[in-house]
Amino acid sequence: MVHRIQSLAVGRVARRARDERGATFVLFALLMAVLLVFVALAVDLGNARQVRRQQQNTADAAALAAANSLYSSGSPNFATAVASVKSYAHSDGGVSSSSWSGCSDANALPYKPDAGDTCISFDSSTTPTIVRVILPSRNVHFLFGAIAGLSSTNITAHAVAAVTNFGISPCGFCVIGTGSPYDGQNGTLSVQGDSGVGINGSASTKHNGEVDVTPPAGTTLYSGGSYSGNFNPTPLSVSGPLLDPLAQYPVPSFSGLSTQAGCTNGVAVPGIYSSIPTCHLNPGLYVITGSTHISGQTTIDASSGVTLYMTCGSNGNPQACSSGGEAGADLICTGNASFQITAPSTGPTAGMAVFFDRHNTSGLDCRGNGSGAENGTLYGASASLTMRGNGEGCDFNALVVVNTASFNGSPSSFCVKYDHASNVQAASTAPTLVG
């Protein structure tokens, strides 16, 4: 009897062992199936990531190729630039010519020269400085993804490049300070000509303020800046920063100039002054070391071919401003005061109307009904431009480069028409990726 019981027990243990081995095998098979799914997805997704990297490299190369070739003949040649994009996309990424037909980019720039295709676009139809390329979508099939119900995925990539512009600044009105350097308040900024507005960061206007750019070169916010208020057209946000387009411009030399007291018989001659003479300025360079505050009906007449060099130091000893920033010479117009400045057309400062020392933190400030007109470049890498009250500067044929800009009042206004041929020529640089 005992022996039989022992036999039955042994049998039950054997059957339990066989059952457990069977269950373990089933569980192992299920785990292996799950593992195979993950391995398959890892292989397919890894391949998709590799294709995505290749697509991005292709988009970068295509955008740079377009930027590099756009001005190869001296003026914009969109056909050449578009052909360069498609050539690089085909050779580097296997993108067929036919795949561009119907290609659509929801964030395309204003000018789209390739008929039936918005994936190759530029910021201007006349003087482009930015090109955007988005590659036609590429379908990548999964080898193993069907196990998890995934058969393929669509992959694309885009790139934005700044164009080599052969002397044309990327902006006609450039605000190169950091953070939020443009405060439009209730003022109006109107820009037209060879380039639009470039702001190194964020910008804002209030309800009665606006930024209006024509033709549609638009406003470009660098460093991914944001905007609020009235902008026409809608700003484009790109990675930055916005570099100083005149960073390589040489500081005007005042060697040989002597200290001058002021006006003689209603005329001033080139030299070193503590403030800008309020009379007719003969052609040449005027080095200004102190504040110029004009009011009432006072007028500065520098229309005969003049460069104002606004620096630090004293009347008899002009000096470069401190590298950390220093308040130097400035120009403040109040009441009905006004100024007329026309840059020289020849000589070492041709095209430069007002040059603030690169570390001069002062600037141009028009208040009340103060106004001005300028033909030639207004440059102040560390300087401010402020229009208050009814201040107006609506006759500027100028490239304007300042650190900060503020427009407020009831309303103030500032109008710029940038003709690069009449201004200091911006340095040509190799095209760069900006987004």
Protein backbone atom coordinates (compact mmCIF):
# COMPACT_ATOMS: atom_id res chain seq x y z
CA MET A 1 0.00 0.00 0.00
CA VAL A 2 2.76 2.41 0.92
CA HIS A 3 4.57 1.58 -2.28
CA ARG A 4 1.46 2.37 -4.34
CA ILE A 5 0.99 5.71 -2.62
CA GLN A 6 4.62 6.57 -3.27
CA SER A 7 4.20 5.62 -6.94
CA LEU A 8 1.15 7.86 -7.29
CA ALA A 9 3.00 10.78 -5.67
CA VAL A 10 5.96 10.35 -7.95
CA GLY A 11 3.63 10.29 -10.96
CA ARG A 12 1.94 13.49 -9.88
CA VAL A 13 5.31 15.22 -9.42
CA ALA A 14 6.44 14.06 -12.86
CA ARG A 15 3.25 15.30 -14.50
CA ARG A 16 3.56 18.65 -12.66
CA ALA A 17 7.13 19.00 -13.86
CA ARG A 18 6.06 18.26 -17.44
CA ASP A 19 3.23 20.82 -17.13
CA GLU A 20 5.59 23.46 -15.75
CA ARG A 21 8.10 22.80 -18.52
CA GLY A 22 5.30 23.23 -21.04
CA ALA A 23 4.10 26.47 -19.46
CA THR A 24 7.65 27.76 -19.32
CA PHE A 25 8.12 26.98 -22.98
CA VAL A 26 4.90 28.82 -23.90
CA LEU A 27 5.91 31.84 -21.79
CA PHE A 28 9.38 31.78 -23.33
CA ALA A 29 7.87 31.70 -26.81
CA LEU A 30 5.63 34.66 -26.01
CA LEU A 31 8.54 36.65 -24.57
CA MET A 32 10.63 35.82 -27.62
CA ALA A 33 7.84 37.05 -29.88
CA VAL A 34 7.61 40.34 -27.96
CA LEU A 35 11.38 40.67 -28.01
CA LEU A 36 11.43 40.07 -31.75
CA VAL A 37 8.83 42.82 -32.21
CA PHE A 38 11.00 45.27 -30.23
CA VAL A 39 14.11 44.22 -32.12
CA ALA A 40 12.28 44.62 -35.42
CA LEU A 41 11.02 48.08 -34.44
CA ALA A 42 14.50 49.08 -33.25
CA VAL A 43 15.94 48.04 -36.60
CA ASP A 44 13.26 49.88 -38.59
CA LEU A 45 13.31 53.02 -36.44
CA GLY A 46 17.09 53.08 -36.49
CA ASN A 47 16.97 52.96 -40.26
CA ALA A 48 14.39 55.77 -40.27
CA ARG A 49 16.63 57.91 -38.03
CA GLN A 50 19.55 57.32 -40.35
CA VAL A 51 17.44 58.38 -43.34
CA ARG A 52 16.33 61.48 -41.37
CA ARG A 53 19.97 62.44 -40.75
CA GLN A 54 20.77 61.96 -44.41
CA GLN A 55 17.76 64.07 -45.38
CA GLN A 56 18.84 66.87 -43.04
CA ASN A 57 22.37 66.85 -44.46
CA THR A 58 20.88 67.01 -47.94
CA ALA A 59 18.58 69.91 -47.01
CA ASP A 60 21.50 71.83 -45.44
CA ALA A 61 23.67 71.32 -48.52
CA ALA A 62 20.83 72.29 -50.88
CA ALA A 63 20.03 75.51 -49.00
CA LEU A 64 23.70 76.53 -48.86
CA ALA A 65 24.05 75.75 -52.57
CA ALA A 66 21.10 78.04 -53.37
CA ALA A 67 22.49 80.81 -51.16
CA ASN A 68 25.93 80.51 -52.74
CA SER A 69 24.68 80.60 -56.32
CA LEU A 70 21.88 83.15 -56.08
CA TYR A 71 24.11 86.19 -56.66
CA SER A 72 26.76 84.45 -58.76
CA SER A 73 26.03 86.75 -61.71
CA GLY A 74 25.82 89.91 -59.58
CA SER A 75 22.04 90.12 -59.36
CA PRO A 76 19.52 87.58 -58.07
CA ASN A 77 19.17 84.60 -60.39
CA PHE A 78 16.39 82.47 -58.96
CA ALA A 79 16.51 79.92 -61.77
CA THR A 80 20.14 79.13 -60.94
CA ALA A 81 19.42 78.92 -57.21
CA VAL A 82 16.43 76.58 -57.71
CA ALA A 83 18.48 74.39 -60.06
CA SER A 84 21.25 74.20 -57.42
CA VAL A 85 18.76 73.01 -54.80
CA LYS A 86 17.40 70.27 -57.03
CA SER A 87 20.86 69.20 -58.18
CA TYR A 88 22.16 68.76 -54.62
CA ALA A 89 18.93 67.11 -53.50
CA HIS A 90 19.25 64.59 -56.33
CA SER A 91 22.95 63.86 -55.96
CA ASP A 92 23.05 63.82 -52.14
CA GLY A 93 19.60 62.53 -51.27
CA GLY A 94 18.27 60.80 -54.36
CA VAL A 95 15.38 63.29 -54.69
CA SER A 96 13.95 63.03 -58.18
CA SER A 97 13.11 66.16 -60.18
CA SER A 98 9.47 65.08 -60.53
CA SER A 99 8.97 64.86 -56.75
CA TRP A 100 9.19 68.66 -56.42
CA SER A 101 5.95 69.12 -58.35
CA GLY A 102 3.21 69.85 -55.84
CA CYS A 103 5.66 70.00 -52.93
CA SER A 104 4.12 72.24 -50.27
CA ASP A 105 5.66 74.14 -47.35
CA ALA A 106 3.23 75.69 -44.86
CA ASN A 107 6.02 77.97 -43.59
CA ALA A 108 7.36 79.06 -46.98
CA LEU A 109 8.93 82.50 -47.32
CA PRO A 110 7.04 85.17 -49.34
CA TYR A 111 8.66 84.61 -52.76
CA LYS A 112 8.30 81.15 -54.36
CA PRO A 113 9.87 81.21 -57.83
CA ASP A 114 9.51 77.52 -58.74
CA ALA A 115 6.09 77.10 -60.37
CA GLY A 116 3.90 74.49 -58.68
CA ASP A 117 6.33 74.17 -55.78
CA THR A 118 6.44 76.15 -52.52
CA CYS A 119 9.26 74.10 -50.98
CA ILE A 120 11.97 76.41 -52.33
CA SER A 121 11.30 79.96 -51.16
CA PHE A 122 13.03 83.31 -50.60
CA ASP A 123 12.34 86.32 -48.40
CA SER A 124 12.24 88.81 -51.30
CA SER A 125 11.66 88.83 -55.04
CA THR A 126 14.11 91.70 -55.58
CA THR A 127 16.91 91.55 -53.00
CA PRO A 128 16.70 88.18 -51.25
CA THR A 129 18.87 87.53 -48.21
CA ILE A 130 17.33 84.28 -46.93
CA VAL A 131 16.43 81.01 -48.67
CA ARG A 132 14.34 78.20 -47.19
CA VAL A 133 14.34 74.63 -48.52
CA ILE A 134 12.13 71.75 -47.41
CA LEU A 135 12.68 68.42 -49.13
CA PRO A 136 9.78 66.49 -50.67
CA SER A 137 8.53 63.87 -48.24
CA ARG A 138 10.30 60.50 -48.52
CA ASN A 139 8.45 57.31 -47.62
CA VAL A 140 10.61 54.81 -45.71
CA HIS A 141 9.25 51.25 -45.65
CA PHE A 142 9.66 49.09 -42.57
CA LEU A 143 11.11 45.61 -43.05
CA PHE A 144 9.78 44.19 -39.81
CA GLY A 145 7.34 46.83 -38.60
CA ALA A 146 4.38 44.96 -40.05
CA ILE A 147 4.69 42.63 -37.04
CA ALA A 148 3.53 45.62 -34.94
CA GLY A 149 1.14 46.94 -37.55
CA LEU A 150 3.54 49.60 -38.92
CA SER A 151 4.43 49.47 -42.60
CA SER A 152 6.20 52.81 -43.30
CA THR A 153 6.81 56.41 -42.23
CA ASN A 154 7.21 59.71 -44.12
CA ILE A 155 10.39 61.67 -43.53
CA THR A 156 11.42 65.17 -44.61
CA ALA A 157 13.84 67.88 -43.52
CA HIS A 158 14.21 71.63 -43.97
CA ALA A 159 17.01 74.20 -43.82
CA VAL A 160 17.23 78.01 -43.91
CA ALA A 161 20.37 79.75 -45.17
CA ALA A 162 21.47 83.38 -45.16
CA VAL A 163 22.49 84.48 -48.64
CA THR A 164 25.84 85.90 -49.65
CA ASN A 165 24.60 89.26 -50.86
CA PHE A 166 27.61 91.04 -52.36
CA GLY A 167 27.39 94.29 -50.44
CA ILE A 168 23.67 94.20 -49.59
CA SER A 169 22.96 94.15 -45.87
CA PRO A 170 20.60 91.38 -44.73
CA CYS A 171 18.47 94.16 -43.25
CA GLY A 172 17.81 97.78 -44.19
CA PHE A 173 16.86 98.48 -40.58
CA CYS A 174 18.99 96.34 -38.25
CA VAL A 175 18.57 96.15 -34.47
CA ILE A 176 21.48 94.07 -33.20
CA GLY A 177 21.05 94.30 -29.41
CA THR A 178 20.08 91.18 -27.46
CA GLY A 179 16.93 90.18 -25.62
CA SER A 180 14.07 92.45 -26.73
CA PRO A 181 15.86 95.33 -28.44
CA TYR A 182 12.86 96.65 -30.41
CA ASP A 183 10.08 98.43 -28.49
CA GLY A 184 7.59 99.81 -31.00
CA GLN A 185 5.05 101.19 -28.50
CA ASN A 186 2.68 103.43 -30.52
CA GLY A 187 5.23 104.43 -33.12
CA THR A 188 5.33 103.47 -36.78
CA LEU A 189 8.35 102.00 -38.54
CA SER A 190 8.13 101.85 -42.35
CA VAL A 191 10.91 100.17 -44.31
CA GLN A 192 11.28 99.62 -48.03
CA GLY A 193 14.05 99.07 -50.54
CA ASP A 194 16.78 96.48 -50.85
CA SER A 195 16.19 94.68 -47.52
CA GLY A 196 13.68 94.55 -44.68
CA VAL A 197 13.92 94.65 -40.90
CA GLY A 198 16.24 92.44 -38.86
CA ILE A 199 15.90 92.22 -35.07
CA ASN A 200 18.28 90.20 -32.92
CA GLY A 201 15.68 88.81 -30.56
CA SER A 202 12.10 89.77 -29.79
CA ALA A 203 9.99 92.76 -30.80
CA SER A 204 6.70 94.34 -29.80
CA THR A 205 4.32 97.14 -30.67
CA LYS A 206 1.18 98.39 -28.96
CA HIS A 207 -2.25 98.77 -30.53
CA ASN A 208 -1.44 101.96 -32.43
CA GLY A 209 2.11 100.98 -33.33
CA GLU A 210 3.18 99.01 -36.36
CA VAL A 211 6.07 97.74 -38.44
CA ASP A 212 5.32 97.88 -42.15
CA VAL A 213 7.85 96.44 -44.63
CA THR A 214 7.53 96.70 -48.45
CA PRO A 215 8.31 95.03 -50.77
CA PRO A 216 7.69 91.88 -48.76
CA ALA A 217 11.23 91.37 -47.51
CA GLY A 218 9.51 91.39 -44.13
CA THR A 219 10.83 91.36 -40.59
CA THR A 220 13.23 88.62 -39.53
CA LEU A 221 13.61 87.83 -35.83
CA TYR A 222 16.95 86.19 -35.15
CA SER A 223 17.80 83.92 -32.21
CA GLY A 224 14.27 82.55 -32.45
CA GLY A 225 12.75 85.79 -31.15
CA SER A 226 9.02 86.27 -30.59
CA TYR A 227 6.80 89.21 -31.49
CA SER A 228 3.59 90.89 -30.39
CA GLY A 229 1.58 93.66 -31.99
CA ASN A 230 1.18 94.83 -35.58
CA PHE A 231 3.69 93.56 -38.13
CA ASN A 232 3.13 93.47 -41.88
CA PRO A 233 4.01 90.94 -43.17
CA THR A 234 4.16 88.40 -40.34
CA PRO A 235 7.75 88.16 -39.00
CA LEU A 236 9.96 85.19 -39.80
CA SER A 237 11.77 83.65 -36.83
CA VAL A 238 15.17 82.04 -37.47
CA SER A 239 18.10 80.91 -35.38
CA GLY A 240 20.66 83.63 -34.87
CA PRO A 241 22.28 85.76 -33.91
CA LEU A 242 21.94 88.69 -36.29
CA LEU A 243 25.54 89.70 -36.87
CA ASP A 244 26.57 93.32 -37.27
CA PRO A 245 26.62 93.79 -41.09
CA LEU A 246 29.24 96.56 -40.72
CA ALA A 247 31.43 94.90 -38.10
CA GLN A 248 34.43 95.14 -40.43
CA TYR A 249 33.88 98.79 -41.37
CA PRO A 250 37.02 100.77 -40.42
CA VAL A 251 36.75 103.49 -37.79
CA PRO A 252 37.05 106.89 -39.55
CA SER A 253 40.50 108.40 -39.27
CA PHE A 254 40.65 112.00 -38.07
CA SER A 255 44.39 112.32 -38.47
CA GLY A 256 45.22 115.88 -39.49
CA LEU A 257 41.97 117.38 -38.23
CA SER A 258 42.22 120.21 -35.71
CA THR A 259 39.94 121.42 -32.94
CA GLN A 260 37.33 123.92 -34.13
CA ALA A 261 35.29 126.40 -32.10
CA GLY A 262 32.10 126.51 -34.15
CA CYS A 263 30.61 128.40 -37.07
CA THR A 264 32.24 131.32 -38.86
CA ASN A 265 29.96 133.46 -40.99
CA GLY A 266 27.35 130.71 -40.91
CA VAL A 267 29.73 127.98 -42.08
CA ALA A 268 31.67 125.22 -40.30
CA VAL A 269 34.69 123.33 -41.59
CA PRO A 270 35.71 119.69 -40.97
CA GLY A 271 37.40 119.18 -37.61
CA ILE A 272 36.96 118.19 -33.97
CA TYR A 273 33.98 119.68 -32.11
CA SER A 274 32.37 119.39 -28.68
CA SER A 275 28.93 119.47 -30.38
CA ILE A 276 27.59 119.50 -33.92
CA PRO A 277 27.71 123.03 -35.37
CA THR A 278 24.23 124.42 -36.01
CA CYS A 279 25.02 126.04 -39.33
CA HIS A 280 26.03 124.88 -42.80
CA LEU A 281 28.72 122.18 -42.63
CA ASN A 282 31.21 122.14 -45.47
CA PRO A 283 31.98 118.68 -46.90
CA GLY A 284 34.18 116.37 -44.84
CA LEU A 285 34.55 114.58 -41.50
CA TYR A 286 33.30 116.08 -38.24
CA VAL A 287 34.46 114.41 -35.02
CA ILE A 288 31.97 115.09 -32.20
CA THR A 289 32.89 114.38 -28.57
CA GLY A 290 29.93 115.74 -26.59
CA SER A 291 26.16 116.03 -26.52
CA THR A 292 24.33 118.04 -29.17
CA HIS A 293 20.90 119.22 -28.01
CA ILE A 294 19.02 121.32 -30.54
CA SER A 295 15.57 122.81 -29.98
CA GLY A 296 13.16 125.41 -31.29
CA GLN A 297 13.72 126.17 -34.96
CA THR A 298 17.38 125.14 -34.94
CA THR A 299 18.61 123.24 -37.99
CA ILE A 300 21.78 121.28 -38.63
CA ASP A 301 22.69 121.47 -42.32
CA ALA A 302 25.13 118.68 -43.16
CA SER A 303 23.70 118.13 -46.62
CA SER A 304 26.83 118.90 -48.64
CA GLY A 305 28.58 115.54 -48.13
CA VAL A 306 29.36 115.08 -44.43
CA THR A 307 30.24 112.25 -42.04
CA LEU A 308 29.57 112.80 -38.34
CA TYR A 309 31.82 110.65 -36.14
CA MET A 310 30.23 110.48 -32.68
CA THR A 311 32.83 109.38 -30.14
CA CYS A 312 34.05 109.90 -26.56
CA GLY A 313 36.77 112.04 -25.01
CA SER A 314 36.92 115.82 -25.01
CA ASN A 315 36.83 118.48 -27.68
CA GLY A 316 40.59 118.67 -27.93
CA ASN A 317 41.20 114.99 -27.27
CA PRO A 318 38.73 112.61 -28.94
CA GLN A 319 39.09 109.01 -27.78
CA ALA A 320 37.55 105.64 -28.47
CA CYS A 321 34.74 104.81 -26.05
CA SER A 322 35.40 102.22 -23.36
CA SER A 323 35.04 98.65 -24.59
CA GLY A 324 32.53 97.96 -21.83
CA GLY A 325 30.25 100.68 -23.18
CA GLU A 326 30.42 104.41 -22.54
CA ALA A 327 28.05 107.32 -23.11
CA GLY A 328 29.63 109.57 -25.70
CA ALA A 329 28.46 112.08 -28.26
CA ASP A 330 24.75 112.09 -29.07
CA LEU A 331 22.16 114.08 -31.03
CA ILE A 332 18.89 115.15 -29.36
CA CYS A 333 16.23 117.09 -31.30
CA THR A 334 13.32 118.73 -29.50
CA GLY A 335 10.62 121.24 -30.37
CA ASN A 336 10.75 121.92 -34.10
CA ALA A 337 14.49 121.33 -34.43
CA SER A 338 15.65 119.31 -37.44
CA PHE A 339 18.72 118.03 -39.21
CA GLN A 340 19.70 117.32 -42.80
CA ILE A 341 22.64 114.94 -43.31
CA THR A 342 23.97 113.64 -46.62
CA ALA A 343 26.97 111.31 -46.66
CA PRO A 344 29.95 111.88 -48.97
CA SER A 345 29.73 110.08 -52.30
CA THR A 346 33.50 109.60 -52.56
CA GLY A 347 36.45 109.21 -50.21
CA PRO A 348 37.13 106.93 -47.23
CA THR A 349 33.72 107.55 -45.61
CA ALA A 350 31.62 107.38 -48.79
CA GLY A 351 28.07 106.39 -47.91
CA MET A 352 28.51 106.90 -44.14
CA ALA A 353 26.42 109.77 -42.75
CA VAL A 354 26.63 109.14 -38.98
CA PHE A 355 29.12 106.77 -37.34
CA PHE A 356 28.82 106.18 -33.60
CA ASP A 357 31.91 104.71 -31.99
CA ARG A 358 31.19 100.97 -31.69
CA HIS A 359 31.06 101.25 -27.88
CA ASN A 360 29.20 104.57 -27.69
CA THR A 361 25.95 103.82 -25.83
CA SER A 362 24.35 107.19 -26.60
CA GLY A 363 22.37 107.72 -29.79
CA LEU A 364 19.85 109.69 -31.82
CA ASP A 365 16.76 110.94 -29.96
CA CYS A 366 13.98 113.03 -31.55
CA ARG A 367 11.33 114.41 -29.18
CA GLY A 368 8.33 116.69 -29.50
CA ASN A 369 8.24 117.67 -33.16
CA GLY A 370 11.94 117.03 -33.67
CA SER A 371 12.66 115.54 -37.08
CA GLY A 372 15.43 114.70 -39.48
CA ALA A 373 16.40 113.56 -42.95
CA GLU A 374 19.43 111.52 -43.90
CA ASN A 375 21.00 110.15 -47.06
CA GLY A 376 23.58 107.56 -46.12
CA THR A 377 24.24 105.03 -43.40
CA LEU A 378 23.37 105.56 -39.73
CA TYR A 379 25.59 103.19 -37.76
CA GLY A 380 25.65 102.64 -34.00
CA ALA A 381 26.50 99.11 -32.88
CA SER A 382 25.97 100.09 -29.21
CA ALA A 383 23.80 103.17 -29.79
CA SER A 384 20.07 103.72 -29.40
CA LEU A 385 17.50 105.18 -31.78
CA THR A 386 14.54 106.82 -30.03
CA MET A 387 11.55 108.66 -31.46
CA ARG A 388 9.15 110.22 -28.93
CA GLY A 389 6.11 112.46 -28.95
CA ASN A 390 5.60 113.55 -32.56
CA GLY A 391 9.23 112.88 -33.40
CA GLU A 392 9.65 112.03 -37.04
CA GLY A 393 12.41 110.75 -39.28
CA CYS A 394 10.56 110.00 -42.47
CA ASP A 395 13.15 110.88 -45.07
CA PHE A 396 15.94 108.40 -44.48
CA ASN A 397 17.61 106.94 -47.57
CA ALA A 398 19.75 104.92 -45.24
CA LEU A 399 21.04 101.64 -43.94
CA VAL A 400 20.28 101.87 -40.22
CA VAL A 401 22.23 99.69 -37.76
CA VAL A 402 21.59 100.34 -34.05
CA ASN A 403 21.70 98.43 -30.79
CA THR A 404 18.17 99.27 -29.67
CA ALA A 405 15.20 101.09 -31.17
CA SER A 406 12.20 102.61 -29.40
CA PHE A 407 9.24 104.40 -30.98
CA ASN A 408 6.47 105.90 -28.90
CA GLY A 409 4.30 108.97 -28.81
CA SER A 410 1.16 110.13 -30.57
CA PRO A 411 2.49 108.60 -32.76
CA SER A 412 6.14 108.94 -33.68
CA SER A 413 7.28 107.65 -37.04
CA PHE A 414 10.45 106.55 -38.75
CA CYS A 415 10.68 105.79 -42.45
CA VAL A 416 13.63 104.12 -44.17
CA LYS A 417 14.33 103.37 -47.79
CA TYR A 418 17.47 101.30 -48.11
CA ASP A 419 19.35 101.62 -51.40
CA HIS A 420 22.60 99.74 -50.93
CA ALA A 421 24.29 101.64 -53.77
CA SER A 422 23.95 104.89 -51.79
CA ASN A 423 25.21 103.40 -48.53
CA VAL A 424 28.24 101.74 -47.04
CA GLN A 425 28.63 98.32 -48.64
CA ALA A 426 28.06 95.45 -46.26
CA ALA A 427 30.79 92.83 -46.19
CA SER A 428 30.11 89.77 -48.30
CA THR A 429 30.33 86.61 -46.27
CA ALA A 430 29.99 82.94 -46.97
CA PRO A 431 26.39 81.71 -46.75
CA THR A 432 25.46 80.28 -43.39
CA LEU A 433 22.68 78.10 -42.02
CA VAL A 434 20.31 80.09 -39.82
CA GLY A 435 17.52 77.59 -39.29
